[in-house]
Amino acid sequence: MRPALPRELNLHIQVANLLTQYLADGWEFTHPASGEYRDKRTAARLKRMGTKPGWPDLILLSPTAVFHGLELKRKGGSLSSAQRDFHRRAIGKGWNVTQADSFDAALAILERWGCLRVTLLKSYAGVPHAEA
């Protein structure tokens, strides 16, 4: 038997904690809580309120209001068709959108985007270490 893959939720929490602690000045981020299981009534209400499928798990805006979207997946996970469609539209508009399937991959993306106020060393068990 293979060990179970870590839940995607853990990755979300680790990346959100990283952004909460180290987000660079002028940047903003949010997790638009449009995922997760919803009963049919709640899902219908959210749809009527404008919730759209395929949007990334984390939305970041730079100090100059440039859109960045990060989709988090468990190892080996893939984008849904709605997510692929969103990525295609976003890239066509020149938006920054990508996916990560590990904390280190997410860290590399966030550092490349310049949204962290420190440079971090590679994680150790998901715990970032600030570079001296």
N, C-alpha and C. Protein backbone atom coordinates (compact mmCIF):
# COMPACT_ATOMS: atom_id res chain seq x y z
N MET A 1 0.83 -1.19 0.00
CA MET A 1 0.00 0.00 0.00
C MET A 1 0.87 1.24 0.00
N ARG A 2 0.46 2.22 -0.80
CA ARG A 2 1.15 3.50 -0.80
C ARG A 2 0.57 4.40 0.29
N PRO A 3 1.41 5.26 0.90
CA PRO A 3 0.86 6.19 1.89
C PRO A 3 -0.07 7.19 1.21
N ALA A 4 -1.05 7.65 1.95
CA ALA A 4 -2.02 8.62 1.41
C ALA A 4 -1.31 9.93 1.11
N LEU A 5 -1.74 10.58 0.04
CA LEU A 5 -1.19 11.89 -0.30
C LEU A 5 -1.70 12.92 0.70
N PRO A 6 -0.87 13.94 1.00
CA PRO A 6 -1.35 14.98 1.90
C PRO A 6 -2.57 15.68 1.30
N ARG A 7 -3.45 16.10 2.16
CA ARG A 7 -4.65 16.78 1.69
C ARG A 7 -4.30 18.15 1.14
N GLU A 8 -5.04 18.56 0.14
CA GLU A 8 -4.84 19.88 -0.46
C GLU A 8 -5.06 20.99 0.57
N LEU A 9 -5.94 20.76 1.51
CA LEU A 9 -6.23 21.74 2.55
C LEU A 9 -4.96 22.17 3.29
N ASN A 10 -4.10 21.20 3.60
CA ASN A 10 -2.86 21.52 4.31
C ASN A 10 -2.00 22.49 3.51
N LEU A 11 -1.90 22.27 2.21
CA LEU A 11 -1.12 23.16 1.35
C LEU A 11 -1.73 24.56 1.34
N HIS A 12 -3.04 24.64 1.25
CA HIS A 12 -3.73 25.94 1.28
C HIS A 12 -3.38 26.70 2.55
N ILE A 13 -3.46 26.03 3.67
CA ILE A 13 -3.20 26.67 4.96
C ILE A 13 -1.74 27.12 5.06
N GLN A 14 -0.82 26.28 4.62
CA GLN A 14 0.60 26.65 4.66
C GLN A 14 0.87 27.90 3.81
N VAL A 15 0.32 27.94 2.61
CA VAL A 15 0.57 29.08 1.72
C VAL A 15 -0.13 30.33 2.26
N ALA A 16 -1.34 30.19 2.78
CA ALA A 16 -2.03 31.34 3.37
C ALA A 16 -1.26 31.88 4.56
N ASN A 17 -0.72 31.00 5.40
CA ASN A 17 0.09 31.44 6.54
C ASN A 17 1.34 32.17 6.07
N LEU A 18 1.98 31.65 5.03
CA LEU A 18 3.16 32.30 4.46
C LEU A 18 2.82 33.71 3.99
N LEU A 19 1.73 33.84 3.24
CA LEU A 19 1.33 35.16 2.74
C LEU A 19 0.94 36.10 3.87
N THR A 20 0.25 35.58 4.85
CA THR A 20 -0.15 36.42 5.99
C THR A 20 1.08 36.97 6.71
N GLN A 21 2.09 36.14 6.85
CA GLN A 21 3.29 36.55 7.59
C GLN A 21 4.27 37.38 6.76
N TYR A 22 4.40 37.09 5.45
CA TYR A 22 5.49 37.67 4.68
C TYR A 22 5.06 38.46 3.44
N LEU A 23 3.78 38.77 3.29
CA LEU A 23 3.32 39.50 2.12
C LEU A 23 4.00 40.87 2.05
N ALA A 24 4.51 41.20 0.88
CA ALA A 24 5.22 42.48 0.69
C ALA A 24 4.25 43.65 0.78
N ASP A 25 4.77 44.79 1.16
CA ASP A 25 3.97 46.01 1.28
C ASP A 25 3.26 46.31 -0.04
N GLY A 26 2.01 46.68 0.07
CA GLY A 26 1.23 47.06 -1.10
C GLY A 26 0.49 45.92 -1.77
N TRP A 27 0.86 44.70 -1.48
CA TRP A 27 0.19 43.53 -2.06
C TRP A 27 -1.04 43.20 -1.22
N GLU A 28 -2.03 42.60 -1.86
CA GLU A 28 -3.23 42.08 -1.19
C GLU A 28 -3.48 40.67 -1.70
N PHE A 29 -4.07 39.84 -0.86
CA PHE A 29 -4.45 38.50 -1.30
C PHE A 29 -5.73 38.07 -0.61
N THR A 30 -6.40 37.14 -1.26
CA THR A 30 -7.58 36.52 -0.66
C THR A 30 -7.76 35.13 -1.24
N HIS A 31 -8.50 34.35 -0.52
CA HIS A 31 -8.94 33.03 -0.99
C HIS A 31 -10.45 33.14 -1.19
N PRO A 32 -10.91 33.20 -2.45
CA PRO A 32 -12.36 33.31 -2.68
C PRO A 32 -13.02 31.97 -2.40
N ALA A 33 -13.60 31.82 -1.27
CA ALA A 33 -14.11 30.53 -0.80
C ALA A 33 -15.21 29.98 -1.71
N SER A 34 -14.82 29.64 -2.93
CA SER A 34 -15.80 29.12 -3.88
C SER A 34 -15.66 27.62 -4.07
N GLY A 35 -14.65 27.02 -3.48
CA GLY A 35 -14.48 25.57 -3.58
C GLY A 35 -15.22 24.87 -2.47
N GLU A 36 -14.81 23.68 -2.17
CA GLU A 36 -15.39 22.87 -1.11
C GLU A 36 -16.79 22.38 -1.49
N TYR A 37 -17.25 21.41 -0.77
CA TYR A 37 -18.58 20.88 -0.98
C TYR A 37 -19.63 21.87 -0.49
N ARG A 38 -20.66 22.06 -1.26
CA ARG A 38 -21.81 22.90 -0.87
C ARG A 38 -23.08 22.09 -1.12
N ASP A 39 -24.06 22.24 -0.23
CA ASP A 39 -25.34 21.61 -0.54
C ASP A 39 -25.95 22.36 -1.73
N LYS A 40 -26.92 21.73 -2.39
CA LYS A 40 -27.46 22.30 -3.63
C LYS A 40 -28.04 23.69 -3.43
N ARG A 41 -28.69 23.91 -2.33
CA ARG A 41 -29.31 25.21 -2.06
C ARG A 41 -28.25 26.32 -1.93
N THR A 42 -27.20 26.04 -1.16
CA THR A 42 -26.13 27.02 -0.98
C THR A 42 -25.40 27.25 -2.30
N ALA A 43 -25.13 26.18 -3.05
CA ALA A 43 -24.44 26.31 -4.33
C ALA A 43 -25.27 27.17 -5.29
N ALA A 44 -26.56 26.96 -5.33
CA ALA A 44 -27.43 27.75 -6.21
C ALA A 44 -27.43 29.22 -5.79
N ARG A 45 -27.46 29.48 -4.50
CA ARG A 45 -27.44 30.86 -4.00
C ARG A 45 -26.11 31.54 -4.36
N LEU A 46 -24.99 30.85 -4.18
CA LEU A 46 -23.69 31.42 -4.53
C LEU A 46 -23.61 31.70 -6.04
N LYS A 47 -24.15 30.81 -6.84
CA LYS A 47 -24.14 31.02 -8.29
C LYS A 47 -24.96 32.26 -8.64
N ARG A 48 -26.13 32.43 -8.02
CA ARG A 48 -26.95 33.62 -8.28
C ARG A 48 -26.23 34.89 -7.82
N MET A 49 -25.37 34.77 -6.80
CA MET A 49 -24.62 35.92 -6.29
C MET A 49 -23.40 36.25 -7.15
N GLY A 50 -23.11 35.41 -8.14
CA GLY A 50 -22.02 35.71 -9.06
C GLY A 50 -20.78 34.84 -8.94
N THR A 51 -20.81 33.81 -8.09
CA THR A 51 -19.66 32.93 -7.99
C THR A 51 -19.47 32.21 -9.31
N LYS A 52 -18.24 32.24 -9.82
CA LYS A 52 -17.92 31.62 -11.11
C LYS A 52 -16.96 30.45 -10.90
N PRO A 53 -17.16 29.38 -11.65
CA PRO A 53 -16.25 28.24 -11.53
C PRO A 53 -14.90 28.52 -12.19
N GLY A 54 -13.87 27.85 -11.68
CA GLY A 54 -12.57 27.89 -12.33
C GLY A 54 -11.60 28.92 -11.81
N TRP A 55 -12.08 29.86 -10.98
CA TRP A 55 -11.16 30.88 -10.47
C TRP A 55 -10.13 30.24 -9.55
N PRO A 56 -8.91 30.80 -9.49
CA PRO A 56 -7.85 30.21 -8.68
C PRO A 56 -8.15 30.25 -7.18
N ASP A 57 -7.46 29.40 -6.45
CA ASP A 57 -7.62 29.32 -5.00
C ASP A 57 -7.18 30.60 -4.30
N LEU A 58 -6.10 31.18 -4.78
CA LEU A 58 -5.59 32.42 -4.19
C LEU A 58 -5.52 33.49 -5.27
N ILE A 59 -6.04 34.65 -4.94
CA ILE A 59 -5.97 35.80 -5.83
C ILE A 59 -5.13 36.85 -5.14
N LEU A 60 -4.12 37.31 -5.85
CA LEU A 60 -3.22 38.34 -5.33
C LEU A 60 -3.23 39.53 -6.27
N LEU A 61 -3.18 40.71 -5.70
CA LEU A 61 -3.06 41.94 -6.49
C LEU A 61 -1.78 42.64 -6.07
N SER A 62 -0.99 43.02 -7.06
CA SER A 62 0.26 43.74 -6.79
C SER A 62 -0.08 45.17 -6.41
N PRO A 63 0.91 45.94 -5.94
CA PRO A 63 0.66 47.35 -5.60
C PRO A 63 0.16 48.17 -6.79
N THR A 64 0.44 47.69 -8.01
CA THR A 64 -0.05 48.40 -9.21
C THR A 64 -1.30 47.72 -9.79
N ALA A 65 -1.95 46.91 -8.97
CA ALA A 65 -3.22 46.24 -9.31
C ALA A 65 -3.09 45.21 -10.43
N VAL A 66 -1.93 44.56 -10.53
CA VAL A 66 -1.75 43.48 -11.49
C VAL A 66 -2.25 42.18 -10.86
N PHE A 67 -3.09 41.46 -11.60
CA PHE A 67 -3.70 40.22 -11.13
C PHE A 67 -2.69 39.07 -11.14
N HIS A 68 -2.71 38.28 -10.07
CA HIS A 68 -1.95 37.05 -9.97
C HIS A 68 -2.88 36.00 -9.37
N GLY A 69 -2.97 34.84 -10.01
CA GLY A 69 -3.83 33.77 -9.50
C GLY A 69 -3.04 32.49 -9.31
N LEU A 70 -3.15 31.89 -8.14
CA LEU A 70 -2.43 30.66 -7.84
C LEU A 70 -3.42 29.56 -7.48
N GLU A 71 -3.43 28.52 -8.28
CA GLU A 71 -4.25 27.35 -8.03
C GLU A 71 -3.40 26.31 -7.31
N LEU A 72 -3.86 25.82 -6.19
CA LEU A 72 -3.12 24.84 -5.40
C LEU A 72 -3.74 23.47 -5.58
N LYS A 73 -2.90 22.48 -5.86
CA LYS A 73 -3.34 21.11 -6.07
C LYS A 73 -2.50 20.17 -5.22
N ARG A 74 -3.08 19.06 -4.82
CA ARG A 74 -2.27 18.04 -4.18
C ARG A 74 -1.34 17.44 -5.23
N LYS A 75 -0.26 16.79 -4.80
CA LYS A 75 0.69 16.17 -5.73
C LYS A 75 -0.06 15.32 -6.74
N GLY A 76 0.22 15.55 -8.00
CA GLY A 76 -0.39 14.77 -9.06
C GLY A 76 -1.78 15.24 -9.45
N GLY A 77 -2.31 16.24 -8.76
CA GLY A 77 -3.64 16.76 -9.08
C GLY A 77 -3.61 17.53 -10.39
N SER A 78 -4.75 17.64 -11.02
CA SER A 78 -4.82 18.36 -12.30
C SER A 78 -5.98 19.36 -12.27
N LEU A 79 -5.90 20.32 -13.15
CA LEU A 79 -6.94 21.34 -13.25
C LEU A 79 -8.24 20.73 -13.79
N SER A 80 -9.36 21.23 -13.29
CA SER A 80 -10.66 20.85 -13.85
C SER A 80 -10.82 21.55 -15.20
N SER A 81 -11.81 21.18 -15.95
CA SER A 81 -12.03 21.85 -17.25
C SER A 81 -12.35 23.32 -17.03
N ALA A 82 -13.11 23.67 -15.99
CA ALA A 82 -13.42 25.08 -15.71
C ALA A 82 -12.15 25.84 -15.35
N GLN A 83 -11.24 25.19 -14.61
CA GLN A 83 -9.98 25.84 -14.25
C GLN A 83 -9.08 26.01 -15.47
N ARG A 84 -9.02 25.01 -16.33
CA ARG A 84 -8.24 25.15 -17.57
C ARG A 84 -8.79 26.29 -18.42
N ASP A 85 -10.11 26.39 -18.52
CA ASP A 85 -10.73 27.48 -19.28
C ASP A 85 -10.38 28.83 -18.68
N PHE A 86 -10.45 28.94 -17.35
CA PHE A 86 -10.10 30.21 -16.71
C PHE A 86 -8.64 30.55 -16.98
N HIS A 87 -7.75 29.58 -16.81
CA HIS A 87 -6.32 29.83 -17.05
C HIS A 87 -6.09 30.31 -18.49
N ARG A 88 -6.75 29.68 -19.43
CA ARG A 88 -6.61 30.07 -20.83
C ARG A 88 -7.08 31.51 -21.05
N ARG A 89 -8.23 31.86 -20.49
CA ARG A 89 -8.74 33.24 -20.61
C ARG A 89 -7.81 34.24 -19.92
N ALA A 90 -7.36 33.89 -18.72
CA ALA A 90 -6.50 34.79 -17.96
C ALA A 90 -5.18 35.03 -18.68
N ILE A 91 -4.57 33.97 -19.16
CA ILE A 91 -3.30 34.11 -19.88
C ILE A 91 -3.51 34.94 -21.14
N GLY A 92 -4.64 34.76 -21.81
CA GLY A 92 -4.96 35.56 -23.00
C GLY A 92 -5.07 37.05 -22.69
N LYS A 93 -5.40 37.37 -21.45
CA LYS A 93 -5.50 38.78 -21.03
C LYS A 93 -4.19 39.30 -20.47
N GLY A 94 -3.17 38.44 -20.41
CA GLY A 94 -1.89 38.85 -19.86
C GLY A 94 -1.81 38.76 -18.34
N TRP A 95 -2.76 38.08 -17.73
CA TRP A 95 -2.75 37.92 -16.28
C TRP A 95 -1.76 36.84 -15.89
N ASN A 96 -1.25 36.92 -14.69
CA ASN A 96 -0.36 35.90 -14.14
C ASN A 96 -1.22 34.86 -13.44
N VAL A 97 -1.19 33.65 -13.94
CA VAL A 97 -1.96 32.57 -13.33
C VAL A 97 -1.21 31.26 -13.54
N THR A 98 -1.13 30.47 -12.49
CA THR A 98 -0.43 29.20 -12.57
C THR A 98 -0.90 28.30 -11.44
N GLN A 99 -0.32 27.10 -11.39
CA GLN A 99 -0.68 26.17 -10.33
C GLN A 99 0.58 25.64 -9.66
N ALA A 100 0.42 25.20 -8.42
CA ALA A 100 1.50 24.59 -7.65
C ALA A 100 0.95 23.37 -6.94
N ASP A 101 1.80 22.34 -6.83
CA ASP A 101 1.34 21.13 -6.14
C ASP A 101 2.21 20.80 -4.92
N SER A 102 2.96 21.79 -4.45
CA SER A 102 3.74 21.61 -3.22
C SER A 102 4.02 22.99 -2.63
N PHE A 103 4.41 23.00 -1.37
CA PHE A 103 4.75 24.27 -0.73
C PHE A 103 5.94 24.91 -1.42
N ASP A 104 6.97 24.11 -1.73
CA ASP A 104 8.16 24.66 -2.36
C ASP A 104 7.85 25.24 -3.74
N ALA A 105 6.97 24.59 -4.50
CA ALA A 105 6.58 25.12 -5.81
C ALA A 105 5.83 26.44 -5.64
N ALA A 106 4.93 26.50 -4.67
CA ALA A 106 4.19 27.75 -4.41
C ALA A 106 5.15 28.85 -3.97
N LEU A 107 6.10 28.51 -3.11
CA LEU A 107 7.09 29.48 -2.64
C LEU A 107 7.88 30.05 -3.80
N ALA A 108 8.34 29.19 -4.72
CA ALA A 108 9.10 29.65 -5.88
C ALA A 108 8.28 30.60 -6.74
N ILE A 109 7.00 30.30 -6.93
CA ILE A 109 6.11 31.16 -7.74
C ILE A 109 5.94 32.50 -7.05
N LEU A 110 5.64 32.49 -5.76
CA LEU A 110 5.41 33.73 -5.02
C LEU A 110 6.67 34.59 -5.00
N GLU A 111 7.83 33.98 -4.86
CA GLU A 111 9.08 34.74 -4.91
C GLU A 111 9.30 35.32 -6.30
N ARG A 112 9.00 34.55 -7.34
CA ARG A 112 9.16 35.03 -8.73
C ARG A 112 8.24 36.22 -8.98
N TRP A 113 7.03 36.18 -8.43
CA TRP A 113 6.10 37.29 -8.60
C TRP A 113 6.50 38.52 -7.78
N GLY A 114 7.37 38.35 -6.81
CA GLY A 114 7.82 39.47 -5.99
C GLY A 114 6.84 39.90 -4.92
N CYS A 115 5.98 38.99 -4.49
CA CYS A 115 4.96 39.38 -3.51
C CYS A 115 5.35 39.06 -2.07
N LEU A 116 6.56 38.57 -1.86
CA LEU A 116 7.03 38.32 -0.50
C LEU A 116 8.07 39.36 -0.12
N ARG A 117 8.02 39.82 1.12
CA ARG A 117 8.95 40.87 1.55
C ARG A 117 10.28 40.32 2.04
N VAL A 118 10.43 39.02 2.06
CA VAL A 118 11.69 38.38 2.42
C VAL A 118 11.96 37.28 1.39
N THR A 119 13.21 36.88 1.30
CA THR A 119 13.56 35.72 0.50
C THR A 119 13.66 34.55 1.46
N LEU A 120 13.00 33.49 1.13
CA LEU A 120 12.97 32.33 2.02
C LEU A 120 13.80 31.19 1.45
N LEU A 121 14.40 30.45 2.34
CA LEU A 121 15.09 29.24 1.93
C LEU A 121 14.06 28.17 1.65
N LYS A 122 14.46 27.13 0.99
CA LYS A 122 13.55 26.03 0.74
C LYS A 122 12.94 25.58 2.06
N SER A 123 11.72 25.14 2.02
CA SER A 123 11.03 24.75 3.25
C SER A 123 11.59 23.46 3.82
N TYR A 124 11.34 23.30 5.08
CA TYR A 124 11.65 22.04 5.76
C TYR A 124 10.34 21.58 6.34
N ALA A 125 9.78 20.55 5.76
CA ALA A 125 8.48 20.01 6.19
C ALA A 125 7.41 21.10 6.16
N GLY A 126 7.48 21.95 5.14
CA GLY A 126 6.44 22.97 4.97
C GLY A 126 6.62 24.20 5.82
N VAL A 127 7.72 24.28 6.58
CA VAL A 127 7.95 25.45 7.43
C VAL A 127 9.00 26.33 6.77
N PRO A 128 8.65 27.55 6.37
CA PRO A 128 9.64 28.39 5.69
C PRO A 128 10.69 28.90 6.66
N HIS A 129 11.87 29.14 6.13
CA HIS A 129 12.97 29.66 6.92
C HIS A 129 13.48 30.92 6.23
N ALA A 130 13.50 32.05 6.93
CA ALA A 130 13.96 33.30 6.34
C ALA A 130 15.46 33.23 6.10
N GLU A 131 15.85 33.79 4.97
CA GLU A 131 17.27 33.82 4.63
C GLU A 131 17.93 35.00 5.32
N ALA A 132 19.10 34.78 5.90
CA ALA A 132 19.81 35.84 6.64
C ALA A 132 20.42 36.85 5.69
